[in-house]
Amino acid sequence: MIRVQQWRDKCIGCNACVEADKFRWRLSRQDGKCTLIGGQVKKGIHTSLVMEDEWEALQNAARNCPVHIIRIEKVS
């Protein structure tokens, strides 16, 4: 499994994560920030557990984020 975390309040809405992985990210029409699809919010951090086949796309999303608010890690 992979844990994906996003500090959404620091998002600038550049859409880089959406372009890298359109199945896991979307741009909100309400505030113009990107949202982790299926993420649970706790203390301002959006977190989701996903399957390992998404690793490459998530790495691209994290790498492309200009404000570095996306963290991914493999968990047991």
N, C-alpha and C. Protein backbone atom coordinates (compact mmCIF):
# COMPACT_ATOMS: atom_id res chain seq x y z
N MET A 1 0.83 -1.18 0.00
CA MET A 1 0.00 0.00 0.00
C MET A 1 0.88 1.25 0.00
N ILE A 2 0.30 2.32 -0.48
CA ILE A 2 0.98 3.61 -0.52
C ILE A 2 0.14 4.63 0.25
N ARG A 3 0.80 5.40 1.10
CA ARG A 3 0.13 6.49 1.80
C ARG A 3 0.45 7.78 1.05
N VAL A 4 -0.61 8.50 0.68
CA VAL A 4 -0.47 9.78 0.00
C VAL A 4 -0.96 10.85 0.95
N GLN A 5 -0.17 11.91 1.12
CA GLN A 5 -0.57 13.02 1.97
C GLN A 5 -0.44 14.32 1.20
N GLN A 6 -1.40 15.21 1.44
CA GLN A 6 -1.40 16.52 0.79
C GLN A 6 -1.75 17.59 1.83
N TRP A 7 -0.93 18.63 1.88
CA TRP A 7 -1.20 19.79 2.72
C TRP A 7 -1.97 20.78 1.85
N ARG A 8 -3.27 20.57 1.73
CA ARG A 8 -4.10 21.28 0.76
C ARG A 8 -4.15 22.79 0.98
N ASP A 9 -4.09 23.23 2.22
CA ASP A 9 -4.18 24.67 2.50
C ASP A 9 -3.03 25.44 1.88
N LYS A 10 -1.92 24.77 1.56
CA LYS A 10 -0.77 25.43 0.94
C LYS A 10 -0.78 25.29 -0.59
N CYS A 11 -1.80 24.65 -1.14
CA CYS A 11 -1.90 24.45 -2.60
C CYS A 11 -2.10 25.79 -3.30
N ILE A 12 -1.41 25.96 -4.44
CA ILE A 12 -1.56 27.19 -5.23
C ILE A 12 -2.42 26.96 -6.47
N GLY A 13 -2.93 25.75 -6.66
CA GLY A 13 -3.83 25.46 -7.76
C GLY A 13 -3.18 25.47 -9.13
N CYS A 14 -1.93 25.07 -9.22
CA CYS A 14 -1.23 25.11 -10.51
C CYS A 14 -1.63 23.98 -11.45
N ASN A 15 -2.27 22.93 -10.92
CA ASN A 15 -2.80 21.82 -11.71
C ASN A 15 -1.72 20.80 -12.10
N ALA A 16 -0.50 20.92 -11.61
CA ALA A 16 0.57 19.99 -11.98
C ALA A 16 0.27 18.57 -11.54
N CYS A 17 -0.31 18.39 -10.37
CA CYS A 17 -0.62 17.04 -9.90
C CYS A 17 -1.74 16.41 -10.73
N VAL A 18 -2.70 17.21 -11.13
CA VAL A 18 -3.80 16.71 -11.96
C VAL A 18 -3.26 16.25 -13.31
N GLU A 19 -2.36 17.01 -13.89
CA GLU A 19 -1.77 16.63 -15.17
C GLU A 19 -0.94 15.36 -15.05
N ALA A 20 -0.30 15.14 -13.92
CA ALA A 20 0.53 13.95 -13.71
C ALA A 20 -0.31 12.71 -13.40
N ASP A 21 -1.45 12.89 -12.72
CA ASP A 21 -2.28 11.75 -12.30
C ASP A 21 -3.74 12.18 -12.19
N LYS A 22 -4.43 12.21 -13.30
CA LYS A 22 -5.81 12.71 -13.33
C LYS A 22 -6.80 11.79 -12.62
N PHE A 23 -6.39 10.58 -12.28
CA PHE A 23 -7.30 9.66 -11.59
C PHE A 23 -7.26 9.85 -10.07
N ARG A 24 -6.22 10.50 -9.54
CA ARG A 24 -6.07 10.68 -8.11
C ARG A 24 -6.26 12.13 -7.67
N TRP A 25 -6.20 13.09 -8.62
CA TRP A 25 -6.27 14.51 -8.29
C TRP A 25 -7.31 15.21 -9.14
N ARG A 26 -7.92 16.25 -8.58
CA ARG A 26 -8.84 17.09 -9.36
C ARG A 26 -8.73 18.53 -8.86
N LEU A 27 -9.10 19.45 -9.72
CA LEU A 27 -9.07 20.86 -9.38
C LEU A 27 -10.46 21.27 -8.89
N SER A 28 -10.54 21.86 -7.71
CA SER A 28 -11.81 22.26 -7.14
C SER A 28 -12.32 23.53 -7.81
N ARG A 29 -13.57 23.53 -8.18
CA ARG A 29 -14.19 24.72 -8.76
C ARG A 29 -14.50 25.76 -7.69
N GLN A 30 -14.61 25.32 -6.44
CA GLN A 30 -14.97 26.23 -5.35
C GLN A 30 -13.84 27.18 -4.97
N ASP A 31 -12.63 26.63 -4.82
CA ASP A 31 -11.53 27.50 -4.37
C ASP A 31 -10.30 27.46 -5.26
N GLY A 32 -10.33 26.69 -6.35
CA GLY A 32 -9.22 26.67 -7.29
C GLY A 32 -8.01 25.89 -6.83
N LYS A 33 -8.16 25.10 -5.76
CA LYS A 33 -7.05 24.29 -5.26
C LYS A 33 -7.25 22.85 -5.69
N CYS A 34 -6.14 22.12 -5.77
CA CYS A 34 -6.22 20.71 -6.14
C CYS A 34 -6.59 19.86 -4.93
N THR A 35 -7.32 18.79 -5.19
CA THR A 35 -7.85 17.94 -4.13
C THR A 35 -7.44 16.50 -4.38
N LEU A 36 -7.02 15.82 -3.32
CA LEU A 36 -6.72 14.39 -3.38
C LEU A 36 -8.03 13.62 -3.37
N ILE A 37 -8.32 12.94 -4.45
CA ILE A 37 -9.58 12.20 -4.57
C ILE A 37 -9.54 11.01 -3.60
N GLY A 38 -10.56 10.89 -2.78
CA GLY A 38 -10.66 9.81 -1.82
C GLY A 38 -9.89 10.05 -0.54
N GLY A 39 -9.39 11.25 -0.36
CA GLY A 39 -8.60 11.57 0.82
C GLY A 39 -9.46 11.87 2.04
N GLN A 40 -8.97 11.47 3.19
CA GLN A 40 -9.60 11.78 4.47
C GLN A 40 -8.85 12.96 5.08
N VAL A 41 -9.57 13.89 5.68
CA VAL A 41 -8.93 15.09 6.23
C VAL A 41 -8.79 14.95 7.74
N LYS A 42 -7.56 15.21 8.22
CA LYS A 42 -7.29 15.21 9.65
C LYS A 42 -6.21 16.26 9.91
N LYS A 43 -6.56 17.25 10.72
CA LYS A 43 -5.65 18.36 11.06
C LYS A 43 -5.11 19.05 9.81
N GLY A 44 -5.96 19.22 8.82
CA GLY A 44 -5.58 19.96 7.62
C GLY A 44 -4.79 19.17 6.60
N ILE A 45 -4.53 17.89 6.87
CA ILE A 45 -3.78 17.05 5.94
C ILE A 45 -4.73 16.04 5.33
N HIS A 46 -4.75 16.01 4.00
CA HIS A 46 -5.57 15.04 3.28
C HIS A 46 -4.73 13.79 3.07
N THR A 47 -5.25 12.63 3.49
CA THR A 47 -4.50 11.38 3.43
C THR A 47 -5.34 10.29 2.79
N SER A 48 -4.67 9.46 1.98
CA SER A 48 -5.35 8.35 1.35
C SER A 48 -4.39 7.17 1.26
N LEU A 49 -4.90 5.95 1.40
CA LEU A 49 -4.13 4.74 1.16
C LEU A 49 -4.56 4.18 -0.18
N VAL A 50 -3.59 3.93 -1.05
CA VAL A 50 -3.89 3.44 -2.40
C VAL A 50 -3.01 2.24 -2.72
N MET A 51 -3.31 1.59 -3.82
CA MET A 51 -2.57 0.41 -4.23
C MET A 51 -1.21 0.79 -4.84
N GLU A 52 -0.29 -0.16 -4.82
CA GLU A 52 1.07 0.11 -5.27
C GLU A 52 1.20 0.34 -6.77
N ASP A 53 0.20 -0.04 -7.54
CA ASP A 53 0.29 0.19 -8.99
C ASP A 53 0.19 1.68 -9.34
N GLU A 54 -0.12 2.54 -8.38
CA GLU A 54 -0.20 3.98 -8.61
C GLU A 54 1.11 4.70 -8.27
N TRP A 55 2.12 3.97 -7.85
CA TRP A 55 3.37 4.56 -7.36
C TRP A 55 3.99 5.54 -8.36
N GLU A 56 4.15 5.13 -9.60
CA GLU A 56 4.81 5.98 -10.59
C GLU A 56 4.05 7.29 -10.84
N ALA A 57 2.75 7.21 -11.00
CA ALA A 57 1.94 8.41 -11.24
C ALA A 57 1.98 9.34 -10.03
N LEU A 58 1.94 8.76 -8.83
CA LEU A 58 2.00 9.58 -7.61
C LEU A 58 3.37 10.23 -7.44
N GLN A 59 4.43 9.53 -7.81
CA GLN A 59 5.76 10.11 -7.77
C GLN A 59 5.83 11.32 -8.70
N ASN A 60 5.26 11.18 -9.89
CA ASN A 60 5.24 12.30 -10.84
C ASN A 60 4.47 13.48 -10.28
N ALA A 61 3.34 13.22 -9.66
CA ALA A 61 2.54 14.31 -9.07
C ALA A 61 3.32 15.02 -7.97
N ALA A 62 3.96 14.26 -7.10
CA ALA A 62 4.74 14.85 -6.01
C ALA A 62 5.93 15.63 -6.55
N ARG A 63 6.60 15.08 -7.54
CA ARG A 63 7.78 15.72 -8.12
C ARG A 63 7.40 17.01 -8.85
N ASN A 64 6.25 17.02 -9.51
CA ASN A 64 5.83 18.18 -10.30
C ASN A 64 5.26 19.32 -9.45
N CYS A 65 4.90 19.05 -8.22
CA CYS A 65 4.29 20.07 -7.36
C CYS A 65 5.33 21.15 -7.02
N PRO A 66 5.10 22.39 -7.45
CA PRO A 66 6.10 23.43 -7.22
C PRO A 66 6.21 23.88 -5.76
N VAL A 67 5.19 23.63 -4.95
CA VAL A 67 5.24 24.03 -3.54
C VAL A 67 5.51 22.83 -2.60
N HIS A 68 5.73 21.64 -3.19
CA HIS A 68 6.14 20.43 -2.45
C HIS A 68 5.21 20.11 -1.28
N ILE A 69 3.91 20.02 -1.56
CA ILE A 69 2.94 19.72 -0.50
C ILE A 69 2.39 18.30 -0.59
N ILE A 70 2.96 17.48 -1.46
CA ILE A 70 2.52 16.09 -1.63
C ILE A 70 3.63 15.17 -1.15
N ARG A 71 3.28 14.25 -0.26
CA ARG A 71 4.21 13.25 0.24
C ARG A 71 3.64 11.86 -0.05
N ILE A 72 4.50 10.98 -0.49
CA ILE A 72 4.08 9.59 -0.71
C ILE A 72 5.09 8.68 -0.04
N GLU A 73 4.57 7.55 0.48
CA GLU A 73 5.45 6.56 1.09
C GLU A 73 4.80 5.20 1.04
N LYS A 74 5.62 4.18 0.90
CA LYS A 74 5.12 2.82 0.93
C LYS A 74 4.97 2.40 2.38
N VAL A 75 3.83 1.78 2.68
CA VAL A 75 3.55 1.30 4.03
C VAL A 75 3.19 -0.18 3.96
N SER A 76 3.35 -0.86 5.07
CA SER A 76 3.07 -2.30 5.13
C SER A 76 1.60 -2.58 5.23
